[in-house]
Amino acid sequence: MKKKFNIRNIVVVVVIGLSATSCEKLIETPSNLPGQLVTEKVFTDSIGSVNGVVGIYSKAFSTYGPLAGYLSIFPSMSSDDMISSSDAYSPIFNNKLTPGNEGNQNEGTAPIWSGFYGNTMIYHANAAIEGLNASKGITETLRSQLIGECEVVRSLSYFYLTNLFGAVPLAQTSDYTVNSKLPRSSTEDVYKLIISDLSDASRRLKDKYPSAGRARPNKYTALALLSRVQLYRQQWVKADSAATAVINAGIYRLENIDNVFLLGNEEVIWQGLSTAFYSWITQEGPMFVPFNNTSIPTYPLRKSLVDAFEPTDLRRSRWIGTSTVSGIPYYYAFKYKNTYSSRPNGATEAEVVFRLSEQYLIRAEARINQGDLGGGKADIDKVRERAGLLPTTAATKDQLLAAVLKERRTEFFCEWAHRWLDLKRHGLVNSTMAAEKPGIWPTDGHQALYPVPYVQVTSNPGWAQNPGY
């Protein structure tokens, strides 16, 4: 009988085994290394091996996990998507981060670093790969599949680390004595590892998801991230190819605008399940949605974002909420609607990491840059049609590329750092932010990269802080 593993109910042995020693400082060597315990006690059989890998997702999407809202909140405040009504977040939305004010668990960017390295993702993925390779109690098929899942986890971690912090150490082992001596590697070297991992994962993983739902990566999850990576590297043919493979998979479709962020919808490529006490909510819902429609949201949207929507755009009416206080309207992201006190229509929402609309816009940008203007326009119009809009009137290459950037802003606002990274990769961050935040955005543009956490630089004299800090 085929075993089914429920991500909500698993005993997360690997996370428990590692959490005690996975401290914030990547370069510290703890006195009690857990690697042998993990290898011998977790990966001895199929159930332990699956639970060990699934435990990585459980912790990643839990409160304060790196995939539990940080990447939708902090980069959105850094960009022209939103601000905060709390002065506690002013170093982020006013682009005044320094190596010292970035470390607060709730207010700084250092938790992104520590979440990916020390607390959850990279260390655990490395330890799991080592444990899986050493295990004598699992089949080769299961070993390969679980290693592929870990490669996706590691790749996603390094993608965000290098795009937010620049050069980062490439830890590929759970051995702290090795990791403690790592230099910072260039973004190009980081991308080489990411591409290698994702290419290998796409061969290891199957079309079919390994468990019920879409909470664990399949082949197309690896290809979805690979298409994004190749787009960022301006490898247009490769980005086109990977995105096309996902689009043509036959198991995804663009959903009704109201269903995009619900559990189990067919647009989702990878979706994390909430590990909160209230299992129907995400982290974003309670953070973005105010207590009532007369309260100021914690994270109001910027006017330039609200004004970017066309009048009949369904994303404007369905994905943006309004709260009016003293006659002043405040707008907020309303993609995730469930909160602790409200659950519209009794629906269950789940964190959407990758979805099909991104693949259409990746392919559109790749095809336009290859000279296939018609193909690019067709992909733009697929996303516009779902939003209730007429086909784009853009015709030239420059017009179509501008149309893609506009659609990416209105489709992915306040999601997974999309806008922040789009501005940076297009070379628009300085001009856009100087206009959006006059007198605030630094003239040298150094805030486009976050500072490496203060404790990391001071603990490793061989590391230089990012320029401008």
Protein backbone atom coordinates (compact mmCIF):
# COMPACT_ATOMS: atom_id res chain seq x y z
CA MET A 1 0.00 0.00 0.00
CA LYS A 2 1.35 3.39 -0.96
CA LYS A 3 2.14 5.59 2.03
CA LYS A 4 0.85 9.18 2.12
CA PHE A 5 2.57 11.78 4.26
CA ASN A 6 0.66 14.75 5.63
CA ILE A 7 2.80 17.86 5.97
CA ARG A 8 0.53 19.19 8.71
CA ASN A 9 0.90 16.16 10.96
CA ILE A 10 4.45 14.92 10.51
CA VAL A 11 6.90 14.59 13.33
CA VAL A 12 9.66 16.87 12.16
CA VAL A 13 12.64 14.92 13.43
CA VAL A 14 15.26 16.62 11.30
CA VAL A 15 14.17 20.11 12.34
CA ILE A 16 14.19 19.21 16.01
CA GLY A 17 17.59 17.57 15.64
CA LEU A 18 19.12 20.54 13.88
CA SER A 19 17.44 23.57 15.44
CA ALA A 20 19.41 23.44 18.64
CA THR A 21 22.68 23.93 16.80
CA SER A 22 21.70 25.88 13.70
CA CYS A 23 22.47 29.24 15.24
CA GLU A 24 22.34 32.58 13.49
CA LYS A 25 26.07 32.84 12.88
CA LEU A 26 26.85 30.84 9.78
CA ILE A 27 30.54 30.91 10.54
CA GLU A 28 30.43 29.77 14.18
CA THR A 29 31.39 26.18 14.95
CA PRO A 30 29.04 24.72 17.58
CA SER A 31 30.40 22.30 20.16
CA ASN A 32 27.82 19.61 19.38
CA LEU A 33 27.54 18.91 15.67
CA PRO A 34 24.30 17.12 14.73
CA GLY A 35 25.27 15.60 11.39
CA GLN A 36 25.86 12.05 12.61
CA LEU A 37 22.61 12.04 14.59
CA VAL A 38 20.67 13.17 11.54
CA THR A 39 22.25 10.59 9.24
CA GLU A 40 21.82 7.67 11.61
CA LYS A 41 18.48 8.43 13.23
CA VAL A 42 16.41 10.24 10.61
CA PHE A 43 17.27 8.68 7.27
CA THR A 44 17.26 5.01 8.24
CA ASP A 45 14.01 4.22 6.42
CA SER A 46 11.53 5.70 3.96
CA ILE A 47 9.19 7.22 6.53
CA GLY A 48 12.00 8.93 8.43
CA SER A 49 13.59 10.15 5.21
CA VAL A 50 10.38 11.68 3.87
CA ASN A 51 9.56 13.25 7.22
CA GLY A 52 13.08 14.63 7.45
CA VAL A 53 12.79 16.45 4.12
CA VAL A 54 9.19 17.55 4.61
CA GLY A 55 10.24 18.97 7.96
CA ILE A 56 12.31 21.56 6.10
CA TYR A 57 9.14 22.92 4.48
CA SER A 58 7.27 22.84 7.77
CA LYS A 59 9.83 25.07 9.46
CA ALA A 60 10.37 27.30 6.42
CA PHE A 61 6.68 28.26 6.27
CA SER A 62 6.22 28.51 10.05
CA THR A 63 6.12 31.79 11.94
CA TYR A 64 9.47 33.57 11.46
CA GLY A 65 10.48 31.03 8.81
CA PRO A 66 12.15 32.55 5.73
CA LEU A 67 9.19 31.63 3.50
CA ALA A 68 6.57 32.98 5.90
CA GLY A 69 6.14 36.52 4.66
CA TYR A 70 9.56 38.14 5.01
CA LEU A 71 10.18 38.07 1.26
CA SER A 72 6.80 39.63 0.55
CA ILE A 73 7.07 42.35 3.19
CA PHE A 74 10.61 43.70 3.47
CA PRO A 75 11.53 43.97 -0.24
CA SER A 76 8.08 45.47 -0.93
CA MET A 77 8.84 48.22 1.58
CA SER A 78 12.29 48.71 0.07
CA SER A 79 10.68 49.19 -3.34
CA ASP A 80 7.82 51.38 -4.54
CA ASP A 81 5.12 48.86 -3.57
CA MET A 82 4.30 49.80 0.02
CA ILE A 83 5.32 51.55 3.22
CA SER A 84 4.60 50.87 6.88
CA SER A 85 2.47 52.81 9.33
CA SER A 86 4.90 51.78 12.07
CA ASP A 87 8.07 53.81 12.61
CA ALA A 88 9.77 50.60 13.68
CA TYR A 89 10.11 49.69 10.01
CA SER A 90 11.42 53.06 8.84
CA PRO A 91 14.98 51.80 8.16
CA ILE A 92 13.48 49.53 5.51
CA PHE A 93 10.83 51.68 3.82
CA ASN A 94 13.02 54.77 4.09
CA ASN A 95 16.03 52.83 2.78
CA LYS A 96 18.11 53.68 5.84
CA LEU A 97 19.42 50.22 6.65
CA THR A 98 22.81 50.10 8.35
CA PRO A 99 25.00 47.24 9.65
CA GLY A 100 23.43 47.40 13.08
CA ASN A 101 19.75 48.24 12.62
CA GLU A 102 19.11 45.22 10.38
CA GLY A 103 19.08 42.55 13.02
CA ASN A 104 15.70 42.75 14.75
CA GLN A 105 13.62 39.60 14.32
CA ASN A 106 10.52 41.56 13.33
CA GLU A 107 11.94 44.71 11.79
CA GLY A 108 15.25 44.01 10.08
CA THR A 109 16.57 42.13 7.07
CA ALA A 110 19.06 39.97 8.97
CA PRO A 111 16.37 37.32 9.67
CA ILE A 112 16.24 36.65 5.93
CA TRP A 113 19.94 35.76 6.03
CA SER A 114 19.73 33.71 9.22
CA GLY A 115 16.55 31.98 8.09
CA PHE A 116 18.09 30.76 4.87
CA TYR A 117 21.46 29.84 6.37
CA GLY A 118 21.27 28.96 10.02
CA ASN A 119 17.74 28.27 11.08
CA THR A 120 15.97 26.44 8.33
CA MET A 121 16.87 26.00 4.71
CA ILE A 122 20.44 25.60 3.46
CA TYR A 123 21.95 23.81 6.44
CA HIS A 124 19.01 21.42 6.67
CA ALA A 125 19.01 20.76 2.92
CA ASN A 126 22.74 20.01 3.00
CA ALA A 127 22.35 17.72 6.01
CA ALA A 128 19.44 15.93 4.36
CA ILE A 129 21.37 15.36 1.12
CA GLU A 130 24.25 13.88 3.12
CA GLY A 131 21.90 11.71 5.14
CA LEU A 132 20.07 10.50 2.05
CA ASN A 133 23.30 9.64 0.24
CA ALA A 134 24.50 7.65 3.26
CA SER A 135 21.23 5.84 3.93
CA LYS A 136 21.08 2.10 3.29
CA GLY A 137 17.40 1.77 4.13
CA ILE A 138 15.69 3.54 1.22
CA THR A 139 15.22 2.81 -2.47
CA GLU A 140 17.26 4.59 -5.12
CA THR A 141 14.04 6.07 -6.51
CA LEU A 142 13.10 7.66 -3.19
CA ARG A 143 16.68 8.79 -2.55
CA SER A 144 16.81 10.56 -5.92
CA GLN A 145 13.43 12.22 -5.46
CA LEU A 146 14.22 13.56 -1.99
CA ILE A 147 17.64 14.83 -3.06
CA GLY A 148 15.90 16.67 -5.92
CA GLU A 149 13.54 18.31 -3.45
CA CYS A 150 16.48 19.43 -1.32
CA GLU A 151 18.20 20.88 -4.39
CA VAL A 152 15.11 23.01 -5.07
CA VAL A 153 15.13 24.23 -1.46
CA ARG A 154 18.82 25.10 -1.62
CA SER A 155 18.45 26.83 -4.99
CA LEU A 156 15.56 29.00 -3.85
CA SER A 157 17.55 30.01 -0.78
CA TYR A 158 20.61 31.04 -2.76
CA PHE A 159 18.51 32.82 -5.38
CA TYR A 160 17.14 35.21 -2.78
CA LEU A 161 20.35 35.53 -0.80
CA THR A 162 22.44 36.60 -3.79
CA ASN A 163 19.77 38.92 -5.20
CA LEU A 164 19.24 40.65 -1.86
CA PHE A 165 22.78 40.63 -0.41
CA GLY A 166 25.09 40.18 -3.42
CA ALA A 167 28.10 37.94 -2.83
CA VAL A 168 27.32 35.22 -0.28
CA PRO A 169 29.11 32.14 1.10
CA LEU A 170 28.30 28.94 -0.78
CA ALA A 171 27.73 26.36 1.94
CA GLN A 172 27.28 22.93 0.36
CA THR A 173 27.86 20.78 3.44
CA SER A 174 26.55 20.52 6.99
CA ASP A 175 30.13 20.56 8.30
CA TYR A 176 30.49 23.76 10.30
CA THR A 177 34.28 23.51 10.31
CA VAL A 178 34.17 23.83 6.51
CA ASN A 179 31.43 26.47 6.47
CA SER A 180 33.26 28.61 9.02
CA LYS A 181 36.07 29.25 6.53
CA LEU A 182 33.98 30.05 3.46
CA PRO A 183 34.54 33.33 1.63
CA ARG A 184 31.72 35.25 -0.03
CA SER A 185 31.19 33.92 -3.56
CA SER A 186 30.20 36.11 -6.50
CA THR A 187 26.64 36.16 -7.81
CA GLU A 188 27.88 34.43 -10.97
CA ASP A 189 29.31 31.55 -8.93
CA VAL A 190 26.11 31.35 -6.90
CA TYR A 191 24.08 31.13 -10.11
CA LYS A 192 26.31 28.31 -11.34
CA LEU A 193 25.39 26.24 -8.29
CA ILE A 194 21.71 27.16 -8.59
CA ILE A 195 21.57 26.14 -12.25
CA SER A 196 23.44 22.91 -11.52
CA ASP A 197 21.08 22.07 -8.66
CA LEU A 198 17.91 22.89 -10.59
CA SER A 199 19.03 21.05 -13.71
CA ASP A 200 19.76 17.99 -11.60
CA ALA A 201 16.50 18.35 -9.67
CA SER A 202 14.47 18.56 -12.89
CA ARG A 203 15.93 15.18 -13.88
CA ARG A 204 15.38 13.59 -10.47
CA LEU A 205 11.84 14.81 -9.83
CA LYS A 206 8.75 13.44 -11.55
CA ASP A 207 5.91 15.27 -13.27
CA LYS A 208 3.55 14.07 -10.57
CA TYR A 209 3.71 15.69 -7.15
CA PRO A 210 5.20 13.31 -4.56
CA SER A 211 2.31 13.74 -2.11
CA ALA A 212 -1.25 15.03 -2.01
CA GLY A 213 -1.56 18.68 -2.99
CA ARG A 214 1.33 20.79 -4.25
CA ALA A 215 3.23 21.38 -1.03
CA ARG A 216 6.32 19.47 -2.17
CA PRO A 217 8.27 20.29 -5.34
CA ASN A 218 7.86 18.31 -8.55
CA LYS A 219 9.82 18.54 -11.81
CA TYR A 220 8.01 21.69 -12.88
CA THR A 221 8.79 23.46 -9.62
CA ALA A 222 12.48 23.11 -10.45
CA LEU A 223 11.87 24.30 -14.02
CA ALA A 224 9.77 27.26 -12.84
CA LEU A 225 12.64 28.55 -10.71
CA LEU A 226 15.14 27.71 -13.45
CA SER A 227 13.19 29.79 -15.96
CA ARG A 228 13.33 32.76 -13.57
CA VAL A 229 17.05 32.32 -13.01
CA GLN A 230 17.74 32.19 -16.75
CA LEU A 231 15.59 35.29 -17.25
CA TYR A 232 17.61 37.18 -14.66
CA ARG A 233 20.80 36.06 -16.43
CA GLN A 234 19.36 37.24 -19.77
CA GLN A 235 19.63 33.74 -21.19
CA TRP A 236 16.51 34.24 -23.28
CA VAL A 237 16.45 30.91 -25.12
CA LYS A 238 16.93 28.92 -21.92
CA ALA A 239 14.34 30.96 -20.03
CA ASP A 240 11.88 30.46 -22.89
CA SER A 241 12.53 26.72 -22.96
CA ALA A 242 12.06 26.18 -19.22
CA ALA A 243 8.93 28.34 -19.04
CA THR A 244 7.45 26.58 -22.07
CA ALA A 245 7.98 23.19 -20.43
CA VAL A 246 5.96 24.35 -17.43
CA ILE A 247 3.23 25.98 -19.51
CA ASN A 248 2.86 22.88 -21.70
CA ALA A 249 2.91 20.42 -18.79
CA GLY A 250 -0.86 20.03 -18.99
CA ILE A 251 -1.45 20.17 -15.23
CA TYR A 252 -1.61 23.94 -14.75
CA ARG A 253 -4.05 26.62 -15.91
CA LEU A 254 -4.71 30.26 -15.12
CA GLU A 255 -7.35 30.35 -12.40
CA ASN A 256 -10.25 32.69 -11.80
CA ILE A 257 -8.85 35.83 -10.17
CA ASP A 258 -10.60 34.98 -6.88
CA ASN A 259 -9.04 31.52 -6.59
CA VAL A 260 -5.36 32.22 -7.24
CA PHE A 261 -4.30 32.12 -3.58
CA LEU A 262 -6.59 29.35 -2.38
CA LEU A 263 -5.36 25.93 -1.39
CA GLY A 264 -5.47 23.38 -4.18
CA ASN A 265 -6.03 25.66 -7.17
CA GLU A 266 -4.64 24.64 -10.56
CA GLU A 267 -2.49 27.71 -11.18
CA VAL A 268 -0.17 26.84 -8.30
CA ILE A 269 3.18 25.25 -9.12
CA TRP A 270 4.42 25.19 -5.52
CA GLN A 271 2.39 26.10 -2.46
CA GLY A 272 3.41 25.94 1.18
CA LEU A 273 0.92 24.93 3.83
CA SER A 274 0.44 27.01 6.94
CA THR A 275 1.81 25.56 10.16
CA ALA A 276 0.05 28.22 12.23
CA PHE A 277 -2.56 27.32 14.84
CA TYR A 278 -5.20 28.59 12.41
CA SER A 279 -4.46 26.31 9.49
CA TRP A 280 -6.52 28.24 6.95
CA ILE A 281 -4.38 31.38 7.03
CA THR A 282 -1.03 32.50 5.67
CA GLN A 283 1.36 34.91 7.37
CA GLU A 284 0.48 37.68 4.90
CA GLY A 285 -3.26 37.73 5.58
CA PRO A 286 -3.12 38.88 9.22
CA MET A 287 -0.16 41.18 8.49
CA PHE A 288 -1.61 42.98 5.46
CA VAL A 289 -5.34 43.09 6.26
CA PRO A 290 -6.35 45.66 8.94
CA PHE A 291 -8.57 44.73 11.88
CA ASN A 292 -11.52 46.50 10.24
CA ASN A 293 -12.21 48.88 7.37
CA THR A 294 -11.74 51.92 9.59
CA SER A 295 -8.24 50.98 10.79
CA ILE A 296 -5.01 52.11 9.16
CA PRO A 297 -3.27 49.08 7.61
CA THR A 298 0.16 48.20 8.94
CA TYR A 299 1.49 48.18 5.37
CA PRO A 300 -0.33 50.72 3.15
CA LEU A 301 0.32 50.52 -0.58
CA ARG A 302 2.09 53.37 -2.32
CA LYS A 303 0.04 55.63 -4.56
CA SER A 304 2.18 54.88 -7.60
CA LEU A 305 1.27 51.19 -7.32
CA VAL A 306 -2.46 51.83 -6.99
CA ASP A 307 -2.30 54.24 -9.94
CA ALA A 308 -0.53 51.61 -12.09
CA PHE A 309 -3.75 49.61 -12.53
CA GLU A 310 -6.06 50.20 -15.46
CA PRO A 311 -9.62 51.18 -14.40
CA THR A 312 -11.21 47.82 -15.29
CA ASP A 313 -8.38 45.63 -13.97
CA LEU A 314 -9.88 42.90 -11.78
CA ARG A 315 -6.63 42.74 -9.82
CA ARG A 316 -7.31 46.29 -8.66
CA SER A 317 -10.81 45.48 -7.43
CA ARG A 318 -10.14 41.98 -6.05
CA TRP A 319 -6.54 42.08 -4.82
CA ILE A 320 -6.48 45.54 -3.22
CA GLY A 321 -8.54 46.46 -0.18
CA THR A 322 -9.43 49.92 1.11
CA SER A 323 -9.65 51.20 4.66
CA THR A 324 -10.92 54.74 5.24
CA VAL A 325 -9.76 56.62 8.33
CA SER A 326 -10.82 60.23 8.97
CA GLY A 327 -11.91 60.48 5.36
CA ILE A 328 -8.53 59.33 4.02
CA PRO A 329 -8.43 56.08 2.00
CA TYR A 330 -5.61 53.66 2.74
CA TYR A 331 -4.98 50.80 0.33
CA TYR A 332 -3.56 47.41 1.26
CA ALA A 333 -2.68 44.12 -0.40
CA PHE A 334 -5.75 41.87 -0.26
CA LYS A 335 -4.54 38.81 -2.14
CA TYR A 336 -4.62 36.75 1.04
CA LYS A 337 -7.91 37.54 2.75
CA ASN A 338 -8.02 35.21 5.75
CA THR A 339 -7.07 36.58 9.16
CA TYR A 340 -7.36 35.28 12.71
CA SER A 341 -10.83 36.80 12.98
CA SER A 342 -12.09 36.57 9.40
CA ARG A 343 -12.35 33.72 6.92
CA PRO A 344 -14.37 34.84 3.87
CA ASN A 345 -16.40 32.03 2.29
CA GLY A 346 -14.76 29.52 4.61
CA ALA A 347 -11.88 29.14 2.15
CA THR A 348 -8.41 27.86 3.03
CA GLU A 349 -5.50 29.90 1.73
CA ALA A 350 -1.92 28.73 1.35
CA GLU A 351 1.36 30.48 0.56
CA VAL A 352 1.84 30.54 -3.23
CA VAL A 353 5.55 30.39 -4.08
CA PHE A 354 5.33 29.80 -7.85
CA ARG A 355 2.33 30.14 -10.14
CA LEU A 356 1.64 29.85 -13.84
CA SER A 357 1.16 33.53 -14.63
CA GLU A 358 4.83 34.15 -13.86
CA GLN A 359 5.82 31.58 -16.46
CA TYR A 360 3.77 33.38 -19.13
CA LEU A 361 5.42 36.70 -18.31
CA ILE A 362 8.88 35.13 -18.16
CA ARG A 363 8.32 33.61 -21.59
CA ALA A 364 6.90 36.88 -22.90
CA GLU A 365 10.02 38.81 -21.87
CA ALA A 366 12.31 36.09 -23.21
CA ARG A 367 10.54 35.92 -26.57
CA ILE A 368 10.42 39.68 -27.04
CA ASN A 369 14.17 39.81 -26.42
CA GLN A 370 14.62 37.10 -29.06
CA GLY A 371 12.65 39.16 -31.58
CA ASP A 372 9.45 37.11 -31.33
CA LEU A 373 7.22 40.11 -30.67
CA GLY A 374 4.03 38.28 -31.59
CA GLY A 375 4.75 35.40 -29.25
CA GLY A 376 5.62 37.78 -26.44
CA LYS A 377 2.46 39.81 -26.98
CA ALA A 378 0.33 36.65 -26.91
CA ASP A 379 1.75 35.68 -23.51
CA ILE A 380 1.16 39.17 -22.11
CA ASP A 381 -2.42 39.01 -23.30
CA LYS A 382 -3.02 35.67 -21.55
CA VAL A 383 -2.34 37.36 -18.22
CA ARG A 384 -4.29 40.48 -19.17
CA GLU A 385 -7.30 38.45 -20.26
CA ARG A 386 -7.50 36.75 -16.86
CA ALA A 387 -7.42 40.22 -15.28
CA GLY A 388 -10.43 41.28 -17.39
CA LEU A 389 -8.40 43.53 -19.68
CA LEU A 390 -8.27 43.96 -23.44
CA PRO A 391 -5.12 42.93 -25.36
CA THR A 392 -2.15 45.23 -24.98
CA THR A 393 -1.71 47.98 -27.57
CA ALA A 394 2.08 47.72 -27.29
CA ALA A 395 3.68 46.94 -30.65
CA THR A 396 7.41 47.70 -30.70
CA LYS A 397 10.07 45.83 -28.74
CA ASP A 398 10.51 48.65 -26.22
CA GLN A 399 6.76 49.06 -25.81
CA LEU A 400 6.26 45.34 -25.25
CA LEU A 401 9.09 45.12 -22.71
CA ALA A 402 7.53 48.05 -20.86
CA ALA A 403 4.19 46.23 -20.99
CA VAL A 404 5.76 43.12 -19.43
CA LEU A 405 7.26 45.20 -16.62
CA LYS A 406 3.90 46.86 -16.00
CA GLU A 407 2.08 43.53 -15.93
CA ARG A 408 4.66 42.10 -13.56
CA ARG A 409 4.06 45.00 -11.19
CA THR A 410 0.28 44.67 -11.18
CA GLU A 411 0.34 40.86 -11.11
CA PHE A 412 3.02 40.26 -8.45
CA PHE A 413 2.84 43.32 -6.18
CA CYS A 414 3.78 42.51 -2.59
CA GLU A 415 4.82 38.99 -3.57
CA TRP A 416 8.23 37.39 -3.17
CA ALA A 417 10.35 40.52 -3.84
CA HIS A 418 9.32 40.55 -7.52
CA ARG A 419 9.07 44.34 -7.88
CA TRP A 420 12.29 45.05 -5.96
CA LEU A 421 14.28 42.56 -8.01
CA ASP A 422 12.68 43.69 -11.29
CA LEU A 423 13.79 47.26 -10.66
CA LYS A 424 17.32 46.09 -9.93
CA ARG A 425 17.74 43.71 -12.86
CA HIS A 426 16.39 46.30 -15.32
CA GLY A 427 18.72 49.01 -13.99
CA LEU A 428 15.73 51.12 -12.90
CA VAL A 429 16.15 51.06 -9.15
CA ASN A 430 18.00 54.38 -8.80
CA SER A 431 15.76 56.44 -11.10
CA THR A 432 12.55 54.88 -9.79
CA MET A 433 13.40 55.13 -6.12
CA ALA A 434 14.82 58.65 -6.41
CA ALA A 435 11.48 59.75 -7.89
CA GLU A 436 9.45 57.72 -5.39
CA LYS A 437 11.49 58.76 -2.34
CA PRO A 438 13.06 62.16 -3.13
CA GLY A 439 15.64 63.20 -0.58
CA ILE A 440 15.60 59.72 0.96
CA TRP A 441 17.02 57.36 -1.64
CA PRO A 442 20.86 57.54 -1.45
CA THR A 443 22.51 59.09 -4.48
CA ASP A 444 25.02 56.25 -4.71
CA GLY A 445 22.21 53.67 -4.75
CA HIS A 446 23.96 51.43 -2.23
CA GLN A 447 20.68 50.44 -0.57
CA ALA A 448 19.87 48.32 -3.63
CA LEU A 449 21.78 45.60 -1.75
CA TYR A 450 20.98 44.89 1.87
CA PRO A 451 23.89 45.08 4.32
CA VAL A 452 25.43 41.79 5.31
CA PRO A 453 24.37 41.25 8.94
CA TYR A 454 26.73 43.02 11.30
CA VAL A 455 27.48 39.90 13.31
CA GLN A 456 28.60 38.05 10.18
CA VAL A 457 31.11 40.68 9.09
CA THR A 458 32.56 41.24 12.56
CA SER A 459 32.90 37.49 13.10
CA ASN A 460 34.75 36.96 9.83
CA PRO A 461 37.49 39.54 9.18
CA GLY A 462 37.89 38.23 5.64
CA TRP A 463 34.46 39.48 4.66
CA ALA A 464 34.03 43.03 3.38
CA GLN A 465 30.72 44.78 4.00
CA ASN A 466 28.68 45.72 0.94
CA PRO A 467 29.71 49.09 -0.58
CA GLY A 468 28.15 52.18 0.97
CA TYR A 469 27.69 50.66 4.41
